[in-house]
Amino acid sequence: MKEYKVVSWKMGISNNNKKLENTLNEYAISGWRVIHVAEQSARIIFERDKNR
């Protein structure tokens, strides 16, 4: 079974790429993987196995 997480990304002016990279890496450490990035709404959808 899978579980999902939706994260709203707040784009800033400075260091935006580095902040996004850090956020993605933090979730990856917890077993989440990106399955979709909704550019228009600035949302990132993550997925992972629920029974890991």
C-alpha atoms as a PDB file:
ATOM      1  CA  MET A   1       0.000   0.000   0.000  1.00  0.00           C
ATOM      2  CA  LYS A   2       1.187   3.524  -0.777  1.00  0.00           C
ATOM      3  CA  GLU A   3       0.786   6.757   1.124  1.00  0.00           C
ATOM      4  CA  TYR A   4       1.004  10.240  -0.317  1.00  0.00           C
ATOM      5  CA  LYS A   5       1.996  13.685   0.877  1.00  0.00           C
ATOM      6  CA  VAL A   6       1.243  17.011  -0.813  1.00  0.00           C
ATOM      7  CA  VAL A   7       3.596  19.873  -0.011  1.00  0.00           C
ATOM      8  CA  SER A   8       2.956  23.465  -1.051  1.00  0.00           C
ATOM      9  CA  TRP A   9       6.169  25.071  -2.180  1.00  0.00           C
ATOM     10  CA  LYS A  10       6.606  28.770  -1.440  1.00  0.00           C
ATOM     11  CA  MET A  11       8.890  30.192  -4.067  1.00  0.00           C
ATOM     12  CA  GLY A  12      11.182  32.912  -2.850  1.00  0.00           C
ATOM     13  CA  ILE A  13      13.533  35.284  -4.556  1.00  0.00           C
ATOM     14  CA  SER A  14      16.898  34.234  -3.153  1.00  0.00           C
ATOM     15  CA  ASN A  15      18.383  30.732  -2.941  1.00  0.00           C
ATOM     16  CA  ASN A  16      15.158  29.195  -4.277  1.00  0.00           C
ATOM     17  CA  ASN A  17      16.894  26.284  -6.029  1.00  0.00           C
ATOM     18  CA  LYS A  18      18.986  25.433  -2.977  1.00  0.00           C
ATOM     19  CA  LYS A  19      15.953  25.563  -0.660  1.00  0.00           C
ATOM     20  CA  LEU A  20      13.977  23.320  -3.011  1.00  0.00           C
ATOM     21  CA  GLU A  21      16.899  20.886  -3.249  1.00  0.00           C
ATOM     22  CA  ASN A  22      17.182  20.751   0.542  1.00  0.00           C
ATOM     23  CA  THR A  23      13.436  20.135   0.920  1.00  0.00           C
ATOM     24  CA  LEU A  24      13.485  17.303  -1.634  1.00  0.00           C
ATOM     25  CA  ASN A  25      16.502  15.704   0.046  1.00  0.00           C
ATOM     26  CA  GLU A  26      14.873  15.896   3.495  1.00  0.00           C
ATOM     27  CA  TYR A  27      11.810  14.027   2.256  1.00  0.00           C
ATOM     28  CA  ALA A  28      13.961  11.505   0.367  1.00  0.00           C
ATOM     29  CA  ILE A  29      15.799  10.620   3.591  1.00  0.00           C
ATOM     30  CA  SER A  30      12.402   9.717   5.082  1.00  0.00           C
ATOM     31  CA  GLY A  31      11.614   7.411   2.161  1.00  0.00           C
ATOM     32  CA  TRP A  32       9.468   9.796   0.114  1.00  0.00           C
ATOM     33  CA  ARG A  33       9.919  10.099  -3.637  1.00  0.00           C
ATOM     34  CA  VAL A  34       8.558  12.822  -5.896  1.00  0.00           C
ATOM     35  CA  ILE A  35       5.874  11.608  -8.269  1.00  0.00           C
ATOM     36  CA  HIS A  36       4.571  14.957  -9.528  1.00  0.00           C
ATOM     37  CA  VAL A  37       5.402  18.658  -9.457  1.00  0.00           C
ATOM     38  CA  ALA A  38       2.418  20.910 -10.166  1.00  0.00           C
ATOM     39  CA  GLU A  39       4.133  24.022 -11.438  1.00  0.00           C
ATOM     40  CA  GLN A  40       1.025  26.193 -11.699  1.00  0.00           C
ATOM     41  CA  SER A  41       0.031  25.637  -8.080  1.00  0.00           C
ATOM     42  CA  ALA A  42       3.577  25.163  -6.689  1.00  0.00           C
ATOM     43  CA  ARG A  43       2.731  21.792  -5.147  1.00  0.00           C
ATOM     44  CA  ILE A  44       4.932  18.722  -4.895  1.00  0.00           C
ATOM     45  CA  ILE A  45       3.373  15.273  -4.519  1.00  0.00           C
ATOM     46  CA  PHE A  46       5.408  12.590  -2.755  1.00  0.00           C
ATOM     47  CA  GLU A  47       4.799   8.854  -2.466  1.00  0.00           C
ATOM     48  CA  ARG A  48       6.218   6.065  -0.301  1.00  0.00           C
ATOM     49  CA  ASP A  49       5.344   2.561   0.819  1.00  0.00           C
ATOM     50  CA  LYS A  50       3.112   2.723   3.868  1.00  0.00           C
ATOM     51  CA  ASN A  51       4.406  -0.499   5.419  1.00  0.00           C
ATOM     52  CA  ARG A  52       8.115   0.136   5.010  1.00  0.00           C
END
